[in-house]
Amino acid sequence: MLAALLAAAPASASEPPQRRRAAEITQVVRAATDALGMRPITLVEYVEPGLYRVRGGGCTVMVQIRVGSTRPGRPGAMPLPPFEAVAGTPDCG
């Protein structure tokens, strides 16, 4: 049981950077999927700390990582990471 609780812990500053990056990419893909709708994602590109470029279906959307998320958690759900990914408006031009 303890192992399950530790595995469900959100990313933190003491966590290895590869795990933090993996958590960010997961959130980036979720935010980009919402922004791009039915367009399939073909590329996720790290631009700079806290900024990703996601391409899909001829469109590009920038996704920003915002630290200190204030999103409420759902009862019984896994803890939310201490950040959230926020997608901009897709550029399909």
N, C-alpha and C. Protein backbone atom coordinates (compact mmCIF):
# COMPACT_ATOMS: atom_id res chain seq x y z
N MET A 1 0.83 -1.19 0.00
CA MET A 1 0.00 0.00 0.00
C MET A 1 0.87 1.26 0.00
N LEU A 2 1.94 1.23 0.78
CA LEU A 2 2.84 2.38 0.82
C LEU A 2 3.44 2.66 -0.55
N ALA A 3 3.79 1.62 -1.27
CA ALA A 3 4.35 1.80 -2.62
C ALA A 3 3.35 2.47 -3.54
N ALA A 4 2.09 2.12 -3.43
CA ALA A 4 1.05 2.74 -4.27
C ALA A 4 0.90 4.21 -3.95
N LEU A 5 0.97 4.55 -2.67
CA LEU A 5 0.86 5.96 -2.28
C LEU A 5 2.06 6.77 -2.78
N LEU A 6 3.24 6.19 -2.68
CA LEU A 6 4.43 6.89 -3.16
C LEU A 6 4.41 7.07 -4.67
N ALA A 7 3.92 6.08 -5.38
CA ALA A 7 3.85 6.16 -6.84
C ALA A 7 2.85 7.22 -7.29
N ALA A 8 1.82 7.47 -6.48
CA ALA A 8 0.79 8.44 -6.84
C ALA A 8 1.16 9.87 -6.46
N ALA A 9 2.27 10.06 -5.80
CA ALA A 9 2.67 11.40 -5.36
C ALA A 9 2.95 12.29 -6.56
N PRO A 10 2.59 13.58 -6.48
CA PRO A 10 2.85 14.49 -7.59
C PRO A 10 4.34 14.77 -7.74
N ALA A 11 4.69 15.30 -8.92
CA ALA A 11 6.08 15.67 -9.17
C ALA A 11 6.50 16.75 -8.19
N SER A 12 7.73 16.68 -7.71
CA SER A 12 8.20 17.69 -6.77
C SER A 12 9.60 18.12 -7.15
N ALA A 13 10.09 19.12 -6.45
CA ALA A 13 11.43 19.63 -6.74
C ALA A 13 12.50 18.59 -6.46
N SER A 14 12.25 17.67 -5.54
CA SER A 14 13.24 16.65 -5.21
C SER A 14 13.17 15.45 -6.13
N GLU A 15 12.22 15.44 -7.01
CA GLU A 15 12.06 14.33 -7.94
C GLU A 15 13.08 14.45 -9.08
N PRO A 16 13.55 13.31 -9.60
CA PRO A 16 14.51 13.37 -10.71
C PRO A 16 13.94 14.15 -11.89
N PRO A 17 14.79 14.91 -12.61
CA PRO A 17 14.30 15.75 -13.70
C PRO A 17 13.60 14.97 -14.81
N GLN A 18 14.02 13.72 -15.07
CA GLN A 18 13.36 12.96 -16.13
C GLN A 18 11.91 12.63 -15.76
N ARG A 19 11.63 12.43 -14.49
CA ARG A 19 10.24 12.17 -14.08
C ARG A 19 9.41 13.45 -14.18
N ARG A 20 9.99 14.58 -13.81
CA ARG A 20 9.29 15.86 -13.92
C ARG A 20 8.95 16.14 -15.39
N ARG A 21 9.94 15.92 -16.28
CA ARG A 21 9.72 16.16 -17.70
C ARG A 21 8.63 15.24 -18.24
N ALA A 22 8.64 13.98 -17.83
CA ALA A 22 7.61 13.03 -18.27
C ALA A 22 6.23 13.48 -17.81
N ALA A 23 6.13 13.98 -16.58
CA ALA A 23 4.85 14.48 -16.07
C ALA A 23 4.41 15.71 -16.86
N GLU A 24 5.35 16.60 -17.19
CA GLU A 24 5.01 17.77 -17.99
C GLU A 24 4.49 17.36 -19.36
N ILE A 25 5.19 16.44 -20.02
CA ILE A 25 4.78 16.02 -21.36
C ILE A 25 3.39 15.40 -21.35
N THR A 26 3.10 14.62 -20.32
CA THR A 26 1.75 14.04 -20.21
C THR A 26 0.71 15.15 -20.15
N GLN A 27 0.95 16.17 -19.33
CA GLN A 27 0.00 17.28 -19.21
C GLN A 27 -0.06 18.10 -20.50
N VAL A 28 1.09 18.27 -21.17
CA VAL A 28 1.13 19.02 -22.43
C VAL A 28 0.28 18.32 -23.49
N VAL A 29 0.41 17.00 -23.59
CA VAL A 29 -0.37 16.25 -24.58
C VAL A 29 -1.86 16.37 -24.28
N ARG A 30 -2.23 16.30 -23.02
CA ARG A 30 -3.66 16.44 -22.66
C ARG A 30 -4.19 17.82 -23.04
N ALA A 31 -3.43 18.87 -22.72
CA ALA A 31 -3.88 20.23 -23.06
C ALA A 31 -3.94 20.43 -24.57
N ALA A 32 -2.94 19.92 -25.29
CA ALA A 32 -2.91 20.08 -26.74
C ALA A 32 -4.04 19.29 -27.39
N THR A 33 -4.35 18.13 -26.87
CA THR A 33 -5.45 17.33 -27.42
C THR A 33 -6.76 18.10 -27.33
N ASP A 34 -6.98 18.75 -26.20
CA ASP A 34 -8.20 19.57 -26.06
C ASP A 34 -8.20 20.72 -27.05
N ALA A 35 -7.04 21.37 -27.24
CA ALA A 35 -6.96 22.53 -28.13
C ALA A 35 -7.06 22.15 -29.60
N LEU A 36 -6.47 21.00 -29.97
CA LEU A 36 -6.44 20.59 -31.38
C LEU A 36 -7.68 19.81 -31.81
N GLY A 37 -8.47 19.39 -30.87
CA GLY A 37 -9.69 18.66 -31.21
C GLY A 37 -9.38 17.33 -31.86
N MET A 38 -9.94 17.07 -33.04
CA MET A 38 -9.81 15.78 -33.72
C MET A 38 -8.50 15.64 -34.50
N ARG A 39 -7.66 16.67 -34.52
CA ARG A 39 -6.39 16.59 -35.25
C ARG A 39 -5.41 15.73 -34.45
N PRO A 40 -4.84 14.70 -35.06
CA PRO A 40 -3.89 13.85 -34.34
C PRO A 40 -2.56 14.57 -34.10
N ILE A 41 -2.00 14.40 -32.92
CA ILE A 41 -0.71 15.00 -32.58
C ILE A 41 0.40 14.24 -33.31
N THR A 42 1.27 15.00 -33.98
CA THR A 42 2.38 14.38 -34.70
C THR A 42 3.73 14.75 -34.12
N LEU A 43 3.80 15.81 -33.30
CA LEU A 43 5.08 16.24 -32.75
C LEU A 43 4.87 17.03 -31.47
N VAL A 44 5.67 16.73 -30.45
CA VAL A 44 5.74 17.53 -29.23
C VAL A 44 7.19 17.99 -29.13
N GLU A 45 7.40 19.30 -29.13
CA GLU A 45 8.74 19.86 -29.14
C GLU A 45 8.97 20.74 -27.91
N TYR A 46 10.05 20.46 -27.19
CA TYR A 46 10.46 21.28 -26.05
C TYR A 46 11.12 22.53 -26.61
N VAL A 47 10.58 23.71 -26.30
CA VAL A 47 11.11 24.96 -26.84
C VAL A 47 12.08 25.60 -25.85
N GLU A 48 11.64 25.72 -24.61
CA GLU A 48 12.43 26.29 -23.52
C GLU A 48 11.75 25.89 -22.21
N PRO A 49 12.38 26.13 -21.07
CA PRO A 49 11.73 25.73 -19.82
C PRO A 49 10.31 26.29 -19.71
N GLY A 50 9.36 25.40 -19.54
CA GLY A 50 7.97 25.80 -19.38
C GLY A 50 7.22 26.07 -20.67
N LEU A 51 7.79 25.75 -21.82
CA LEU A 51 7.11 26.02 -23.09
C LEU A 51 7.34 24.88 -24.08
N TYR A 52 6.25 24.39 -24.66
CA TYR A 52 6.29 23.31 -25.64
C TYR A 52 5.51 23.73 -26.88
N ARG A 53 5.93 23.24 -28.05
CA ARG A 53 5.23 23.44 -29.31
C ARG A 53 4.69 22.08 -29.72
N VAL A 54 3.39 22.02 -29.99
CA VAL A 54 2.75 20.76 -30.37
C VAL A 54 2.13 20.94 -31.75
N ARG A 55 2.41 19.97 -32.63
CA ARG A 55 1.87 20.01 -33.99
C ARG A 55 0.92 18.86 -34.19
N GLY A 56 -0.12 19.14 -34.97
CA GLY A 56 -1.08 18.10 -35.29
C GLY A 56 -2.03 18.55 -36.37
N GLY A 57 -2.18 17.71 -37.40
CA GLY A 57 -3.15 17.99 -38.46
C GLY A 57 -2.95 19.32 -39.15
N GLY A 58 -1.72 19.74 -39.38
CA GLY A 58 -1.47 21.01 -40.05
C GLY A 58 -1.56 22.22 -39.14
N CYS A 59 -1.76 22.01 -37.87
CA CYS A 59 -1.86 23.11 -36.91
C CYS A 59 -0.73 23.02 -35.89
N THR A 60 -0.43 24.16 -35.28
CA THR A 60 0.55 24.23 -34.21
C THR A 60 -0.08 24.95 -33.03
N VAL A 61 0.17 24.45 -31.83
CA VAL A 61 -0.32 25.11 -30.63
C VAL A 61 0.82 25.16 -29.63
N MET A 62 0.99 26.31 -28.99
CA MET A 62 1.99 26.46 -27.94
C MET A 62 1.33 26.12 -26.61
N VAL A 63 2.05 25.34 -25.80
CA VAL A 63 1.52 24.94 -24.50
C VAL A 63 2.51 25.39 -23.43
N GLN A 64 1.99 26.12 -22.46
CA GLN A 64 2.81 26.68 -21.39
C GLN A 64 2.58 25.91 -20.10
N ILE A 65 3.66 25.67 -19.35
CA ILE A 65 3.56 25.04 -18.04
C ILE A 65 3.44 26.15 -17.01
N ARG A 66 2.38 26.10 -16.23
CA ARG A 66 2.19 27.09 -15.16
C ARG A 66 2.34 26.37 -13.82
N VAL A 67 3.26 26.87 -13.02
CA VAL A 67 3.55 26.27 -11.73
C VAL A 67 2.55 26.79 -10.70
N GLY A 68 2.23 25.93 -9.73
CA GLY A 68 1.32 26.33 -8.66
C GLY A 68 -0.13 26.28 -9.09
N SER A 69 -0.52 25.19 -9.70
CA SER A 69 -1.88 25.02 -10.17
C SER A 69 -2.88 25.19 -9.04
N THR A 70 -3.99 25.82 -9.34
CA THR A 70 -5.06 25.99 -8.36
C THR A 70 -6.27 25.14 -8.71
N ARG A 71 -6.08 24.18 -9.63
CA ARG A 71 -7.19 23.32 -10.03
C ARG A 71 -7.60 22.44 -8.86
N PRO A 72 -8.88 22.31 -8.61
CA PRO A 72 -9.32 21.41 -7.53
C PRO A 72 -9.22 19.95 -7.99
N GLY A 73 -8.87 19.08 -7.08
CA GLY A 73 -8.81 17.66 -7.39
C GLY A 73 -10.18 17.03 -7.31
N ARG A 74 -10.35 15.90 -8.00
CA ARG A 74 -11.60 15.16 -7.92
C ARG A 74 -11.51 14.19 -6.74
N PRO A 75 -12.57 14.00 -6.00
CA PRO A 75 -12.53 13.05 -4.89
C PRO A 75 -12.17 11.66 -5.40
N GLY A 76 -11.21 11.02 -4.74
CA GLY A 76 -10.81 9.67 -5.10
C GLY A 76 -9.84 9.60 -6.27
N ALA A 77 -9.52 10.72 -6.91
CA ALA A 77 -8.59 10.73 -8.05
C ALA A 77 -7.16 10.86 -7.55
N MET A 78 -6.21 10.54 -8.43
CA MET A 78 -4.80 10.71 -8.09
C MET A 78 -4.52 12.19 -7.86
N PRO A 79 -3.53 12.50 -7.02
CA PRO A 79 -3.20 13.91 -6.77
C PRO A 79 -2.79 14.62 -8.06
N LEU A 80 -3.13 15.89 -8.16
CA LEU A 80 -2.75 16.68 -9.32
C LEU A 80 -1.29 17.11 -9.19
N PRO A 81 -0.58 17.24 -10.31
CA PRO A 81 0.80 17.72 -10.23
C PRO A 81 0.79 19.18 -9.77
N PRO A 82 1.92 19.68 -9.24
CA PRO A 82 1.98 21.05 -8.75
C PRO A 82 2.11 22.06 -9.90
N PHE A 83 1.65 21.69 -11.07
CA PHE A 83 1.69 22.56 -12.23
C PHE A 83 0.56 22.14 -13.16
N GLU A 84 0.27 22.99 -14.14
CA GLU A 84 -0.70 22.62 -15.16
C GLU A 84 -0.20 23.11 -16.51
N ALA A 85 -0.62 22.43 -17.55
CA ALA A 85 -0.28 22.81 -18.91
C ALA A 85 -1.47 23.57 -19.49
N VAL A 86 -1.19 24.72 -20.07
CA VAL A 86 -2.25 25.55 -20.64
C VAL A 86 -1.93 25.79 -22.11
N ALA A 87 -2.84 25.36 -22.97
CA ALA A 87 -2.65 25.49 -24.42
C ALA A 87 -3.16 26.84 -24.90
N GLY A 88 -2.44 27.40 -25.86
CA GLY A 88 -2.89 28.62 -26.51
C GLY A 88 -3.86 28.29 -27.62
N THR A 89 -4.10 29.25 -28.49
CA THR A 89 -4.98 29.05 -29.63
C THR A 89 -4.21 28.40 -30.77
N PRO A 90 -4.75 27.33 -31.36
CA PRO A 90 -4.04 26.68 -32.47
C PRO A 90 -3.87 27.62 -33.66
N ASP A 91 -2.70 27.54 -34.30
CA ASP A 91 -2.40 28.29 -35.51
C ASP A 91 -2.45 27.29 -36.68
N CYS A 92 -3.48 27.40 -37.49
CA CYS A 92 -3.67 26.46 -38.60
C CYS A 92 -3.42 27.12 -39.94
N GLY A 93 -2.64 28.18 -39.95
CA GLY A 93 -2.41 28.93 -41.18
C GLY A 93 -1.27 28.50 -42.00
